[in-house]
C-alpha atoms as a PDB file:
ATOM      1  CA  MET A   1      16.637  -3.970 -11.619  1.00  0.00           C
ATOM      2  CA  SER A   2      18.208  -5.764  -8.674  1.00  0.00           C
ATOM      3  CA  ASP A   3      17.267  -4.990  -5.076  1.00  0.00           C
ATOM      4  CA  ALA A   4      20.722  -3.470  -4.590  1.00  0.00           C
ATOM      5  CA  GLN A   5      19.936  -0.949  -7.363  1.00  0.00           C
ATOM      6  CA  PHE A   6      16.475  -0.139  -6.001  1.00  0.00           C
ATOM      7  CA  SER A   7      15.523   3.508  -5.678  1.00  0.00           C
ATOM      8  CA  TYR A   8      12.105   5.040  -5.138  1.00  0.00           C
ATOM      9  CA  GLU A   9      12.903   7.565  -7.873  1.00  0.00           C
ATOM     10  CA  HIS A  10      11.942   4.765 -10.301  1.00  0.00           C
ATOM     11  CA  LEU A  11       8.493   4.566  -8.691  1.00  0.00           C
ATOM     12  CA  THR A  12       6.948   7.138 -11.020  1.00  0.00           C
ATOM     13  CA  PRO A  13       3.228   7.957 -11.212  1.00  0.00           C
ATOM     14  CA  ASP A  14       2.996   5.804 -14.363  1.00  0.00           C
ATOM     15  CA  ALA A  15       4.719   2.906 -12.570  1.00  0.00           C
ATOM     16  CA  LEU A  16       2.273   3.268  -9.648  1.00  0.00           C
ATOM     17  CA  LEU A  17      -0.740   3.232 -11.961  1.00  0.00           C
ATOM     18  CA  ASP A  18       0.637   0.284 -13.944  1.00  0.00           C
ATOM     19  CA  ALA A  19       1.175  -1.682 -10.720  1.00  0.00           C
ATOM     20  CA  LEU A  20      -2.380  -0.992  -9.517  1.00  0.00           C
ATOM     21  CA  GLU A  21      -3.921  -1.806 -12.891  1.00  0.00           C
ATOM     22  CA  SER A  22      -1.928  -5.060 -13.032  1.00  0.00           C
ATOM     23  CA  VAL A  23      -4.021  -6.300 -10.073  1.00  0.00           C
ATOM     24  CA  GLY A  24      -7.318  -4.966 -11.428  1.00  0.00           C
ATOM     25  CA  ILE A  25      -7.491  -1.685  -9.502  1.00  0.00           C
ATOM     26  CA  ARG A  26      -8.225   1.461 -11.475  1.00  0.00           C
ATOM     27  CA  PRO A  27      -7.786   4.701  -9.539  1.00  0.00           C
ATOM     28  CA  GLU A  28     -10.291   7.433 -10.392  1.00  0.00           C
ATOM     29  CA  SER A  29      -8.790  10.109  -8.170  1.00  0.00           C
ATOM     30  CA  GLY A  30      -5.249  11.332  -7.862  1.00  0.00           C
ATOM     31  CA  LEU A  31      -2.764   9.469  -5.704  1.00  0.00           C
ATOM     32  CA  LEU A  32      -2.366  11.263  -2.372  1.00  0.00           C
ATOM     33  CA  ALA A  33       1.027  10.476  -0.826  1.00  0.00           C
ATOM     34  CA  LEU A  34       0.729   9.560   2.858  1.00  0.00           C
ATOM     35  CA  ASN A  35       3.464   9.892   5.468  1.00  0.00           C
ATOM     36  CA  SER A  36       5.721   6.843   5.675  1.00  0.00           C
ATOM     37  CA  TYR A  37       9.395   6.694   6.627  1.00  0.00           C
ATOM     38  CA  GLU A  38      10.374   3.363   5.045  1.00  0.00           C
ATOM     39  CA  ASN A  39       7.870   2.754   2.258  1.00  0.00           C
ATOM     40  CA  ARG A  40       5.703   4.634  -0.213  1.00  0.00           C
ATOM     41  CA  VAL A  41       2.017   4.810   0.715  1.00  0.00           C
ATOM     42  CA  TYR A  42      -0.769   6.376  -1.351  1.00  0.00           C
ATOM     43  CA  GLN A  43      -4.490   6.926  -0.845  1.00  0.00           C
ATOM     44  CA  PHE A  44      -6.951   7.166  -3.743  1.00  0.00           C
ATOM     45  CA  GLN A  45     -10.509   6.395  -4.833  1.00  0.00           C
ATOM     46  CA  ASP A  46     -11.202   3.594  -7.269  1.00  0.00           C
ATOM     47  CA  GLU A  47     -13.823   3.521 -10.017  1.00  0.00           C
ATOM     48  CA  GLU A  48     -16.436   2.360  -7.477  1.00  0.00           C
ATOM     49  CA  ARG A  49     -15.625   5.404  -5.293  1.00  0.00           C
ATOM     50  CA  ARG A  50     -14.085   3.269  -2.551  1.00  0.00           C
ATOM     51  CA  ARG A  51     -11.243   4.918  -0.677  1.00  0.00           C
ATOM     52  CA  LEU A  52      -8.192   2.644  -0.839  1.00  0.00           C
ATOM     53  CA  VAL A  53      -4.594   2.758   0.322  1.00  0.00           C
ATOM     54  CA  THR A  54      -1.704   1.108  -1.462  1.00  0.00           C
ATOM     55  CA  LYS A  55       1.755   0.539  -0.045  1.00  0.00           C
ATOM     56  CA  PHE A  56       4.980  -0.125  -1.927  1.00  0.00           C
ATOM     57  CA  TYR A  57       7.557  -1.831   0.272  1.00  0.00           C
ATOM     58  CA  ARG A  58      11.312  -1.386   0.084  1.00  0.00           C
ATOM     59  CA  PRO A  59      12.744  -4.689  -1.233  1.00  0.00           C
ATOM     60  CA  GLN A  60      14.184  -7.066   1.383  1.00  0.00           C
ATOM     61  CA  ARG A  61      13.285  -4.728   4.260  1.00  0.00           C
ATOM     62  CA  TRP A  62      10.334  -6.843   5.431  1.00  0.00           C
ATOM     63  CA  SER A  63       9.802 -10.594   5.292  1.00  0.00           C
ATOM     64  CA  ARG A  64       6.716 -11.997   3.583  1.00  0.00           C
ATOM     65  CA  GLU A  65       5.435 -13.066   7.024  1.00  0.00           C
ATOM     66  CA  GLN A  66       5.787  -9.517   8.393  1.00  0.00           C
ATOM     67  CA  ILE A  67       3.895  -8.073   5.433  1.00  0.00           C
ATOM     68  CA  LEU A  68       1.092 -10.645   5.774  1.00  0.00           C
ATOM     69  CA  GLU A  69       0.850  -9.898   9.503  1.00  0.00           C
ATOM     70  CA  GLU A  70       0.545  -6.178   8.769  1.00  0.00           C
ATOM     71  CA  HIS A  71      -2.156  -6.840   6.179  1.00  0.00           C
ATOM     72  CA  ALA A  72      -4.137  -8.939   8.673  1.00  0.00           C
ATOM     73  CA  LEU A  73      -4.301  -6.116  11.233  1.00  0.00           C
ATOM     74  CA  PRO A  74      -7.241  -4.200   9.679  1.00  0.00           C
ATOM     75  CA  GLU A  75      -9.341  -7.385   9.707  1.00  0.00           C
ATOM     76  CA  ILE A  76      -8.448  -8.048  13.344  1.00  0.00           C
ATOM     77  CA  CYS A  77      -9.500  -4.504  14.222  1.00  0.00           C
ATOM     78  CA  ARG A  78     -12.959  -5.170  12.803  1.00  0.00           C
ATOM     79  CA  THR A  79     -13.516  -7.864  15.418  1.00  0.00           C
ATOM     80  CA  PRO A  80     -13.976  -7.810  19.208  1.00  0.00           C
ATOM     81  CA  LYS A  81     -10.373  -9.129  19.483  1.00  0.00           C
ATOM     82  CA  CYS A  82      -9.028  -5.727  18.504  1.00  0.00           C
ATOM     83  CA  PRO A  83      -6.546  -4.462  21.127  1.00  0.00           C
ATOM     84  CA  TRP A  84      -7.444  -0.807  20.358  1.00  0.00           C
ATOM     85  CA  PRO A  85     -10.805   0.890  20.791  1.00  0.00           C
ATOM     86  CA  SER A  86     -12.677   1.592  17.570  1.00  0.00           C
ATOM     87  CA  ARG A  87     -13.423   5.121  16.535  1.00  0.00           C
END
């Protein structure tokens, strides 16, 4: 499927689970859809009972650099450099 033909309707529960399992993550709980305007974001627990969040990005909406920057933010917020107060 080309990016021009992309539609989230093809992102079925089976496709979500296959994508997670392809990177070694096995959800043990259901996938809880979280609010996101542009992308599809889900929270779940894995087999070690860790709470995880996965995000499926719309193709060509974000550059690789933007995605990597977004993924670095949680690590930054675990340090004293965090611009926001911790909870």
